[in-house]
N, C-alpha and C. Protein backbone atom coordinates (compact mmCIF):
# COMPACT_ATOMS: atom_id res chain seq x y z
N UNK A 1 113.62 108.34 143.57
CA UNK A 1 112.17 108.39 143.71
C UNK A 1 111.53 107.85 142.43
N UNK A 2 110.52 107.04 142.58
CA UNK A 2 109.82 106.45 141.45
C UNK A 2 108.67 107.34 141.02
N UNK A 3 108.59 107.59 139.72
CA UNK A 3 107.50 108.37 139.14
C UNK A 3 106.41 107.41 138.69
N UNK A 4 105.17 107.68 139.05
CA UNK A 4 104.05 106.83 138.67
C UNK A 4 103.32 107.47 137.50
N UNK A 5 103.16 106.70 136.42
CA UNK A 5 102.44 107.13 135.23
C UNK A 5 101.06 106.51 135.28
N UNK A 6 100.02 107.30 135.03
CA UNK A 6 98.66 106.78 135.03
C UNK A 6 98.13 106.64 136.44
N UNK A 7 96.94 106.02 136.56
CA UNK A 7 96.40 105.72 137.88
C UNK A 7 95.53 104.49 137.78
N UNK A 8 95.51 103.71 138.82
CA UNK A 8 94.72 102.49 138.85
C UNK A 8 95.28 101.53 139.88
N UNK A 9 94.57 100.46 140.10
CA UNK A 9 94.95 99.52 141.16
C UNK A 9 96.09 98.57 140.82
N UNK A 10 96.46 98.46 139.55
CA UNK A 10 97.50 97.51 139.14
C UNK A 10 98.73 98.30 138.70
N UNK A 11 99.91 97.82 139.08
CA UNK A 11 101.14 98.51 138.70
C UNK A 11 102.09 97.56 137.97
N UNK A 12 102.92 98.16 137.14
CA UNK A 12 103.96 97.43 136.41
C UNK A 12 105.16 98.35 136.24
N UNK A 13 106.36 97.82 136.44
CA UNK A 13 107.57 98.61 136.22
C UNK A 13 107.72 98.85 134.73
N UNK A 14 107.98 100.11 134.36
CA UNK A 14 108.11 100.43 132.93
C UNK A 14 109.41 101.16 132.63
N UNK A 15 110.34 101.10 133.52
CA UNK A 15 111.64 101.73 133.30
C UNK A 15 112.27 102.11 134.60
N UNK A 16 113.49 102.61 134.51
CA UNK A 16 114.20 103.03 135.71
C UNK A 16 113.43 104.17 136.36
N UNK A 17 113.06 103.98 137.60
CA UNK A 17 112.33 104.98 138.37
C UNK A 17 110.96 105.31 137.77
N UNK A 18 110.38 104.38 137.00
CA UNK A 18 109.05 104.61 136.43
C UNK A 18 108.16 103.40 136.70
N UNK A 19 106.94 103.68 137.14
CA UNK A 19 105.96 102.63 137.38
C UNK A 19 104.66 103.03 136.69
N UNK A 20 104.03 102.09 136.03
CA UNK A 20 102.74 102.31 135.39
C UNK A 20 101.66 101.85 136.35
N UNK A 21 100.70 102.69 136.62
CA UNK A 21 99.52 102.33 137.41
C UNK A 21 98.33 102.41 136.47
N UNK A 22 97.59 101.32 136.34
CA UNK A 22 96.49 101.33 135.38
C UNK A 22 95.33 100.50 135.87
N UNK A 23 94.18 100.74 135.24
CA UNK A 23 92.96 100.00 135.55
C UNK A 23 92.77 98.95 134.47
N UNK A 24 93.08 97.69 134.75
CA UNK A 24 93.01 96.65 133.72
C UNK A 24 91.60 96.39 133.20
N UNK A 25 90.59 96.73 133.97
CA UNK A 25 89.22 96.47 133.51
C UNK A 25 88.83 97.36 132.34
N UNK A 26 89.57 98.46 132.15
CA UNK A 26 89.30 99.33 131.00
C UNK A 26 89.80 98.71 129.70
N UNK A 27 90.77 97.78 129.79
CA UNK A 27 91.29 97.09 128.61
C UNK A 27 90.74 95.68 128.52
N UNK A 28 90.50 95.09 129.67
CA UNK A 28 90.07 93.69 129.75
C UNK A 28 88.81 93.62 130.61
N UNK A 29 87.64 93.77 130.00
CA UNK A 29 86.39 93.81 130.77
C UNK A 29 86.16 92.56 131.63
N UNK A 30 86.71 91.44 131.23
CA UNK A 30 86.52 90.20 132.00
C UNK A 30 87.68 89.96 132.98
N UNK A 31 88.40 90.98 133.34
CA UNK A 31 89.58 90.90 134.19
C UNK A 31 89.34 90.04 135.43
N UNK A 32 88.21 90.25 136.08
CA UNK A 32 87.92 89.54 137.33
C UNK A 32 87.81 88.03 137.13
N UNK A 33 87.49 87.59 135.92
CA UNK A 33 87.34 86.15 135.67
C UNK A 33 88.65 85.48 135.29
N UNK A 34 89.71 86.26 135.09
CA UNK A 34 91.01 85.69 134.69
C UNK A 34 91.70 85.03 135.88
N UNK A 35 92.49 84.02 135.58
CA UNK A 35 93.28 83.37 136.63
C UNK A 35 94.43 84.30 137.01
N UNK A 36 95.07 83.98 138.11
CA UNK A 36 96.22 84.79 138.56
C UNK A 36 97.32 84.79 137.50
N UNK A 37 97.55 83.63 136.87
CA UNK A 37 98.57 83.54 135.83
C UNK A 37 98.21 84.42 134.63
N UNK A 38 96.94 84.37 134.20
CA UNK A 38 96.51 85.19 133.07
C UNK A 38 96.66 86.68 133.38
N UNK A 39 96.30 87.06 134.59
CA UNK A 39 96.45 88.45 135.00
C UNK A 39 97.92 88.86 134.98
N UNK A 40 98.78 88.00 135.50
CA UNK A 40 100.21 88.29 135.52
C UNK A 40 100.77 88.48 134.12
N UNK A 41 100.35 87.62 133.20
CA UNK A 41 100.83 87.73 131.82
C UNK A 41 100.32 89.00 131.15
N UNK A 42 99.09 89.36 131.43
CA UNK A 42 98.54 90.59 130.85
C UNK A 42 99.23 91.83 131.40
N UNK A 43 99.49 91.84 132.70
CA UNK A 43 100.21 92.97 133.29
C UNK A 43 101.60 93.07 132.68
N UNK A 44 102.27 91.93 132.54
CA UNK A 44 103.59 91.91 131.92
C UNK A 44 103.51 92.45 130.48
N UNK A 45 102.50 92.01 129.74
CA UNK A 45 102.33 92.46 128.35
C UNK A 45 102.07 93.95 128.25
N UNK A 46 101.21 94.47 129.10
CA UNK A 46 100.92 95.91 129.09
C UNK A 46 102.19 96.68 129.46
N UNK A 47 102.90 96.21 130.47
CA UNK A 47 104.15 96.87 130.86
C UNK A 47 105.16 96.87 129.73
N UNK A 48 105.30 95.73 129.05
CA UNK A 48 106.25 95.64 127.93
C UNK A 48 105.84 96.56 126.79
N UNK A 49 104.54 96.64 126.51
CA UNK A 49 104.04 97.54 125.47
C UNK A 49 104.41 98.98 125.79
N UNK A 50 104.22 99.37 127.03
CA UNK A 50 104.55 100.74 127.45
C UNK A 50 106.06 100.97 127.37
N UNK A 51 106.84 99.99 127.85
CA UNK A 51 108.31 100.13 127.78
C UNK A 51 108.77 100.29 126.34
N UNK A 52 108.23 99.47 125.46
CA UNK A 52 108.61 99.54 124.04
C UNK A 52 108.27 100.91 123.46
N UNK A 53 107.16 101.49 123.91
CA UNK A 53 106.73 102.77 123.33
C UNK A 53 107.71 103.90 123.60
N UNK A 54 108.43 103.84 124.71
CA UNK A 54 109.35 104.93 125.01
C UNK A 54 110.82 104.52 124.95
N UNK A 55 111.09 103.34 124.43
CA UNK A 55 112.47 102.83 124.38
C UNK A 55 113.40 103.69 123.51
N UNK A 56 112.86 104.31 122.48
CA UNK A 56 113.70 105.11 121.57
C UNK A 56 114.07 106.47 122.16
N UNK A 57 113.44 106.83 123.26
CA UNK A 57 113.75 108.10 123.92
C UNK A 57 114.89 107.84 124.91
N UNK A 58 116.06 108.37 124.60
CA UNK A 58 117.24 108.10 125.44
C UNK A 58 117.82 109.40 125.98
N UNK A 59 118.59 109.25 127.04
CA UNK A 59 119.26 110.42 127.63
C UNK A 59 120.34 110.94 126.68
N UNK A 60 120.94 110.04 125.91
CA UNK A 60 121.96 110.47 124.94
C UNK A 60 121.34 111.39 123.88
N UNK A 61 120.17 111.03 123.40
CA UNK A 61 119.52 111.81 122.34
C UNK A 61 118.77 113.02 122.86
N UNK A 62 118.12 112.87 124.01
CA UNK A 62 117.18 113.88 124.48
C UNK A 62 117.63 114.63 125.73
N UNK A 63 118.76 114.26 126.28
CA UNK A 63 119.31 114.96 127.44
C UNK A 63 118.39 114.97 128.63
N UNK A 64 118.31 116.11 129.29
CA UNK A 64 117.52 116.23 130.52
C UNK A 64 116.02 116.08 130.29
N UNK A 65 115.58 116.24 129.05
CA UNK A 65 114.15 116.12 128.74
C UNK A 65 113.70 114.67 128.61
N UNK A 66 114.62 113.74 128.57
CA UNK A 66 114.30 112.33 128.30
C UNK A 66 113.27 111.77 129.27
N UNK A 67 113.45 111.99 130.54
CA UNK A 67 112.52 111.41 131.52
C UNK A 67 111.10 111.91 131.31
N UNK A 68 110.95 113.23 131.14
CA UNK A 68 109.61 113.78 130.92
C UNK A 68 109.01 113.28 129.61
N UNK A 69 109.83 113.15 128.57
CA UNK A 69 109.35 112.63 127.29
C UNK A 69 108.92 111.18 127.42
N UNK A 70 109.68 110.39 128.18
CA UNK A 70 109.33 108.99 128.41
C UNK A 70 107.98 108.89 129.13
N UNK A 71 107.79 109.72 130.15
CA UNK A 71 106.52 109.72 130.88
C UNK A 71 105.36 110.11 129.98
N UNK A 72 105.58 111.13 129.17
CA UNK A 72 104.55 111.59 128.24
C UNK A 72 104.17 110.49 127.24
N UNK A 73 105.18 109.84 126.68
CA UNK A 73 104.94 108.76 125.72
C UNK A 73 104.20 107.60 126.40
N UNK A 74 104.58 107.28 127.63
CA UNK A 74 103.92 106.20 128.36
C UNK A 74 102.44 106.52 128.58
N UNK A 75 102.15 107.76 128.95
CA UNK A 75 100.76 108.17 129.16
C UNK A 75 99.97 108.12 127.87
N UNK A 76 100.58 108.54 126.75
CA UNK A 76 99.91 108.47 125.45
C UNK A 76 99.60 107.02 125.08
N UNK A 77 100.55 106.14 125.30
CA UNK A 77 100.37 104.74 124.95
C UNK A 77 99.29 104.10 125.82
N UNK A 78 99.28 104.44 127.10
CA UNK A 78 98.23 103.92 127.98
C UNK A 78 96.86 104.39 127.50
N UNK A 79 96.76 105.65 127.10
CA UNK A 79 95.49 106.17 126.58
C UNK A 79 95.07 105.42 125.31
N UNK A 80 96.04 105.10 124.45
CA UNK A 80 95.73 104.32 123.24
C UNK A 80 95.21 102.93 123.62
N UNK A 81 95.84 102.31 124.58
CA UNK A 81 95.38 100.98 125.02
C UNK A 81 93.97 101.05 125.59
N UNK A 82 93.69 102.08 126.36
CA UNK A 82 92.34 102.26 126.90
C UNK A 82 91.31 102.43 125.77
N UNK A 83 91.73 103.03 124.65
CA UNK A 83 90.82 103.21 123.50
C UNK A 83 90.72 101.95 122.64
N UNK A 84 91.50 100.92 122.97
CA UNK A 84 91.46 99.69 122.19
C UNK A 84 92.46 99.65 121.06
N UNK A 85 93.39 100.60 121.03
CA UNK A 85 94.41 100.62 119.99
C UNK A 85 95.66 99.96 120.55
N UNK A 86 96.14 98.92 119.90
CA UNK A 86 97.31 98.22 120.44
C UNK A 86 98.59 98.57 119.72
N UNK A 87 98.52 99.30 118.64
CA UNK A 87 99.72 99.79 117.94
C UNK A 87 99.28 100.98 117.11
N UNK A 88 100.21 101.83 116.80
CA UNK A 88 99.88 103.03 116.03
C UNK A 88 99.13 102.65 114.77
N UNK A 89 97.94 103.23 114.61
CA UNK A 89 97.17 102.97 113.41
C UNK A 89 96.43 101.65 113.40
N UNK A 90 96.60 100.84 114.40
CA UNK A 90 95.90 99.55 114.45
C UNK A 90 94.77 99.65 115.45
N UNK A 91 93.79 98.81 115.27
CA UNK A 91 92.64 98.82 116.16
C UNK A 91 92.19 97.39 116.43
N UNK A 92 91.52 97.22 117.55
CA UNK A 92 90.96 95.91 117.86
C UNK A 92 89.52 95.80 117.38
N UNK A 93 88.97 96.88 116.84
CA UNK A 93 87.62 96.88 116.31
C UNK A 93 87.62 96.20 114.95
N UNK A 94 86.93 95.06 114.81
CA UNK A 94 86.98 94.33 113.54
C UNK A 94 86.44 95.11 112.35
N UNK A 95 85.43 95.95 112.56
CA UNK A 95 84.89 96.74 111.46
C UNK A 95 85.93 97.77 111.01
N UNK A 96 86.57 98.44 111.96
CA UNK A 96 87.60 99.43 111.60
C UNK A 96 88.78 98.75 110.90
N UNK A 97 89.14 97.56 111.34
CA UNK A 97 90.23 96.82 110.69
C UNK A 97 89.89 96.51 109.25
N UNK A 98 88.67 96.03 109.02
CA UNK A 98 88.23 95.72 107.66
C UNK A 98 88.15 96.98 106.81
N UNK A 99 87.63 98.06 107.41
CA UNK A 99 87.51 99.32 106.69
C UNK A 99 88.88 99.82 106.25
N UNK A 100 89.82 99.73 107.15
CA UNK A 100 91.18 100.17 106.82
C UNK A 100 91.75 99.36 105.65
N UNK A 101 91.51 98.07 105.68
CA UNK A 101 91.99 97.19 104.61
C UNK A 101 91.32 97.53 103.28
N UNK A 102 90.01 97.73 103.31
CA UNK A 102 89.26 98.05 102.08
C UNK A 102 89.76 99.37 101.49
N UNK A 103 89.92 100.38 102.32
CA UNK A 103 90.36 101.70 101.84
C UNK A 103 91.77 101.60 101.26
N UNK A 104 92.64 100.86 101.92
CA UNK A 104 94.01 100.71 101.42
C UNK A 104 94.01 100.02 100.05
N UNK A 105 93.21 98.96 99.92
CA UNK A 105 93.13 98.26 98.63
C UNK A 105 92.60 99.19 97.54
N UNK A 106 91.59 100.00 97.89
CA UNK A 106 91.04 100.93 96.91
C UNK A 106 92.07 101.99 96.53
N UNK A 107 92.84 102.46 97.49
CA UNK A 107 93.89 103.44 97.20
C UNK A 107 94.91 102.86 96.24
N UNK A 108 95.31 101.63 96.48
CA UNK A 108 96.29 100.97 95.60
C UNK A 108 95.70 100.79 94.20
N UNK A 109 94.42 100.42 94.15
CA UNK A 109 93.74 100.25 92.86
C UNK A 109 93.68 101.58 92.10
N UNK A 110 93.38 102.66 92.81
CA UNK A 110 93.33 103.99 92.19
C UNK A 110 94.70 104.40 91.64
N UNK A 111 95.73 104.18 92.42
CA UNK A 111 97.09 104.54 91.99
C UNK A 111 97.50 103.71 90.77
N UNK A 112 97.17 102.43 90.80
CA UNK A 112 97.51 101.56 89.67
C UNK A 112 96.79 102.03 88.40
N UNK A 113 95.53 102.43 88.54
CA UNK A 113 94.76 102.90 87.40
C UNK A 113 95.36 104.18 86.80
N UNK A 114 96.03 104.96 87.62
CA UNK A 114 96.69 106.18 87.14
C UNK A 114 98.12 105.90 86.67
N UNK A 115 98.50 104.63 86.68
CA UNK A 115 99.83 104.26 86.19
C UNK A 115 100.95 104.42 87.21
N UNK A 116 100.60 104.60 88.48
CA UNK A 116 101.61 104.74 89.53
C UNK A 116 101.97 103.36 90.05
N UNK A 117 103.22 102.97 89.84
CA UNK A 117 103.68 101.67 90.33
C UNK A 117 104.68 101.88 91.46
N UNK A 118 104.69 100.98 92.41
CA UNK A 118 105.61 101.07 93.56
C UNK A 118 105.56 102.45 94.20
N UNK A 119 104.36 102.88 94.51
CA UNK A 119 104.18 104.21 95.09
C UNK A 119 104.83 104.30 96.47
N UNK A 120 105.49 105.41 96.76
CA UNK A 120 106.06 105.59 98.10
C UNK A 120 104.95 105.71 99.14
N UNK A 121 105.29 105.45 100.40
CA UNK A 121 104.31 105.48 101.47
C UNK A 121 103.52 106.79 101.51
N UNK A 122 104.21 107.89 101.27
CA UNK A 122 103.55 109.20 101.33
C UNK A 122 102.45 109.32 100.28
N UNK A 123 102.70 108.77 99.09
CA UNK A 123 101.72 108.83 98.01
C UNK A 123 100.51 107.96 98.36
N UNK A 124 100.77 106.77 98.88
CA UNK A 124 99.67 105.87 99.28
C UNK A 124 98.85 106.53 100.39
N UNK A 125 99.53 107.10 101.38
CA UNK A 125 98.83 107.75 102.49
C UNK A 125 97.99 108.92 101.98
N UNK A 126 98.51 109.70 101.04
CA UNK A 126 97.75 110.82 100.48
C UNK A 126 96.49 110.32 99.77
N UNK A 127 96.62 109.20 99.04
CA UNK A 127 95.45 108.63 98.36
C UNK A 127 94.43 108.11 99.37
N UNK A 128 94.91 107.46 100.43
CA UNK A 128 94.01 106.98 101.49
C UNK A 128 93.28 108.16 102.13
N UNK A 129 94.01 109.23 102.43
CA UNK A 129 93.40 110.42 103.02
C UNK A 129 92.36 111.02 102.08
N UNK A 130 92.65 110.99 100.78
CA UNK A 130 91.72 111.51 99.78
C UNK A 130 90.42 110.69 99.80
N UNK A 131 90.56 109.37 99.83
CA UNK A 131 89.36 108.51 99.88
C UNK A 131 88.58 108.77 101.16
N UNK A 132 89.28 108.85 102.30
CA UNK A 132 88.62 109.06 103.59
C UNK A 132 87.91 110.42 103.68
N UNK A 133 88.27 111.35 102.81
CA UNK A 133 87.65 112.68 102.83
C UNK A 133 86.33 112.71 102.07
N UNK A 134 85.95 111.59 101.45
CA UNK A 134 84.70 111.54 100.67
C UNK A 134 83.66 110.71 101.45
N UNK A 135 82.74 111.39 102.16
CA UNK A 135 81.80 110.70 103.05
C UNK A 135 80.94 109.64 102.37
N UNK A 136 80.42 109.92 101.20
CA UNK A 136 79.54 108.97 100.53
C UNK A 136 80.29 107.68 100.19
N UNK A 137 81.48 107.84 99.68
CA UNK A 137 82.31 106.68 99.34
C UNK A 137 82.65 105.88 100.60
N UNK A 138 83.00 106.59 101.67
CA UNK A 138 83.35 105.92 102.92
C UNK A 138 82.15 105.17 103.50
N UNK A 139 80.96 105.71 103.33
CA UNK A 139 79.75 105.04 103.84
C UNK A 139 79.59 103.69 103.16
N UNK A 140 79.85 103.63 101.86
CA UNK A 140 79.77 102.36 101.15
C UNK A 140 80.83 101.38 101.62
N UNK A 141 82.05 101.87 101.83
CA UNK A 141 83.12 100.99 102.31
C UNK A 141 82.83 100.51 103.73
N UNK A 142 82.27 101.40 104.57
CA UNK A 142 81.95 101.00 105.94
C UNK A 142 80.88 99.90 105.94
N UNK A 143 79.91 100.03 105.05
CA UNK A 143 78.87 99.00 104.94
C UNK A 143 79.49 97.65 104.57
N UNK A 144 80.41 97.66 103.61
CA UNK A 144 81.11 96.43 103.22
C UNK A 144 81.93 95.89 104.39
N UNK A 145 82.59 96.77 105.11
CA UNK A 145 83.43 96.36 106.25
C UNK A 145 82.57 95.69 107.33
N UNK A 146 81.38 96.24 107.57
CA UNK A 146 80.48 95.64 108.57
C UNK A 146 80.06 94.24 108.15
N UNK A 147 79.73 94.08 106.85
CA UNK A 147 79.33 92.75 106.36
C UNK A 147 80.47 91.75 106.48
N UNK A 148 81.68 92.16 106.10
CA UNK A 148 82.84 91.27 106.17
C UNK A 148 83.13 90.89 107.61
N UNK A 149 83.13 91.87 108.51
CA UNK A 149 83.41 91.61 109.92
C UNK A 149 82.36 90.67 110.51
N UNK A 150 81.10 90.86 110.13
CA UNK A 150 80.03 89.99 110.64
C UNK A 150 80.22 88.56 110.14
N UNK A 151 80.56 88.42 108.89
CA UNK A 151 80.78 87.08 108.33
C UNK A 151 81.97 86.41 109.01
N UNK A 152 83.06 87.13 109.18
CA UNK A 152 84.23 86.56 109.84
C UNK A 152 83.93 86.17 111.27
N UNK A 153 83.08 86.93 111.95
CA UNK A 153 82.74 86.62 113.34
C UNK A 153 81.90 85.34 113.44
N UNK A 154 81.14 85.05 112.38
CA UNK A 154 80.28 83.88 112.39
C UNK A 154 80.95 82.62 111.87
N UNK A 155 82.08 82.76 111.20
CA UNK A 155 82.75 81.62 110.60
C UNK A 155 83.96 81.20 111.43
N UNK A 156 84.41 80.00 111.18
CA UNK A 156 85.63 79.54 111.83
C UNK A 156 86.82 80.12 111.09
N UNK A 157 88.00 80.12 111.70
CA UNK A 157 89.17 80.65 111.01
C UNK A 157 89.46 79.95 109.68
N UNK A 158 89.02 78.70 109.55
CA UNK A 158 89.28 77.95 108.32
C UNK A 158 88.29 78.34 107.23
N UNK A 159 87.06 78.65 107.59
CA UNK A 159 86.01 78.93 106.62
C UNK A 159 85.79 80.44 106.49
N UNK A 160 86.61 81.10 105.71
CA UNK A 160 86.45 82.55 105.49
C UNK A 160 86.12 82.86 104.04
N UNK A 161 85.66 81.87 103.31
CA UNK A 161 85.39 82.05 101.89
C UNK A 161 84.45 83.19 101.57
N UNK A 162 83.31 83.29 102.26
CA UNK A 162 82.35 84.34 101.96
C UNK A 162 82.93 85.72 102.23
N UNK A 163 83.63 85.86 103.33
CA UNK A 163 84.25 87.15 103.64
C UNK A 163 85.32 87.51 102.63
N UNK A 164 86.09 86.51 102.20
CA UNK A 164 87.12 86.76 101.20
C UNK A 164 86.52 87.18 99.86
N UNK A 165 85.35 86.59 99.51
CA UNK A 165 84.70 86.97 98.26
C UNK A 165 84.28 88.43 98.28
N UNK A 166 83.73 88.88 99.40
CA UNK A 166 83.33 90.28 99.52
C UNK A 166 84.58 91.17 99.44
N UNK A 167 85.64 90.78 100.15
CA UNK A 167 86.87 91.56 100.15
C UNK A 167 87.45 91.66 98.74
N UNK A 168 87.41 90.57 97.99
CA UNK A 168 87.94 90.57 96.63
C UNK A 168 87.10 91.45 95.71
N UNK A 169 85.78 91.51 95.96
CA UNK A 169 84.92 92.31 95.11
C UNK A 169 85.23 93.81 95.28
N UNK A 170 85.81 94.17 96.43
CA UNK A 170 86.18 95.57 96.68
C UNK A 170 87.44 95.91 95.95
N UNK A 171 88.38 94.97 95.93
CA UNK A 171 89.72 95.24 95.34
C UNK A 171 89.68 95.34 93.84
């Protein structure tokens, strides 16, 4: 028997006895304007993304719980895709992407100023969390992120000089 994860008019196989049912218009607002080939490629891509998300969950490692864990992970990943997140910690929102970059650069700058070189991931993450906990500072970084994202949206991929200047002024 095939277990269906999610609900929606489009389906994709995501594993043995598992099918993903999803609403593509929640991820792709212009879905109706896509060609049949484009739709097919997007369905394949979403299915592959979901399969990849639960690939590390195996019956050897997780025993009888594996199937339920795979379904749970698939549902979590589908929810992330619906929110516009295509990978853990990544976003399709250009302002959030810029903000994340600015905060990371500031965290590295802070650690360097304290003499911390080659900081482990945990130390960098702790510094990022510390910066994110200060609302006034984050408001300034968000303002910069909005300006950078707006400039990048107005320029061609070749002409990013103005956005790069703002980004460098943060670092």
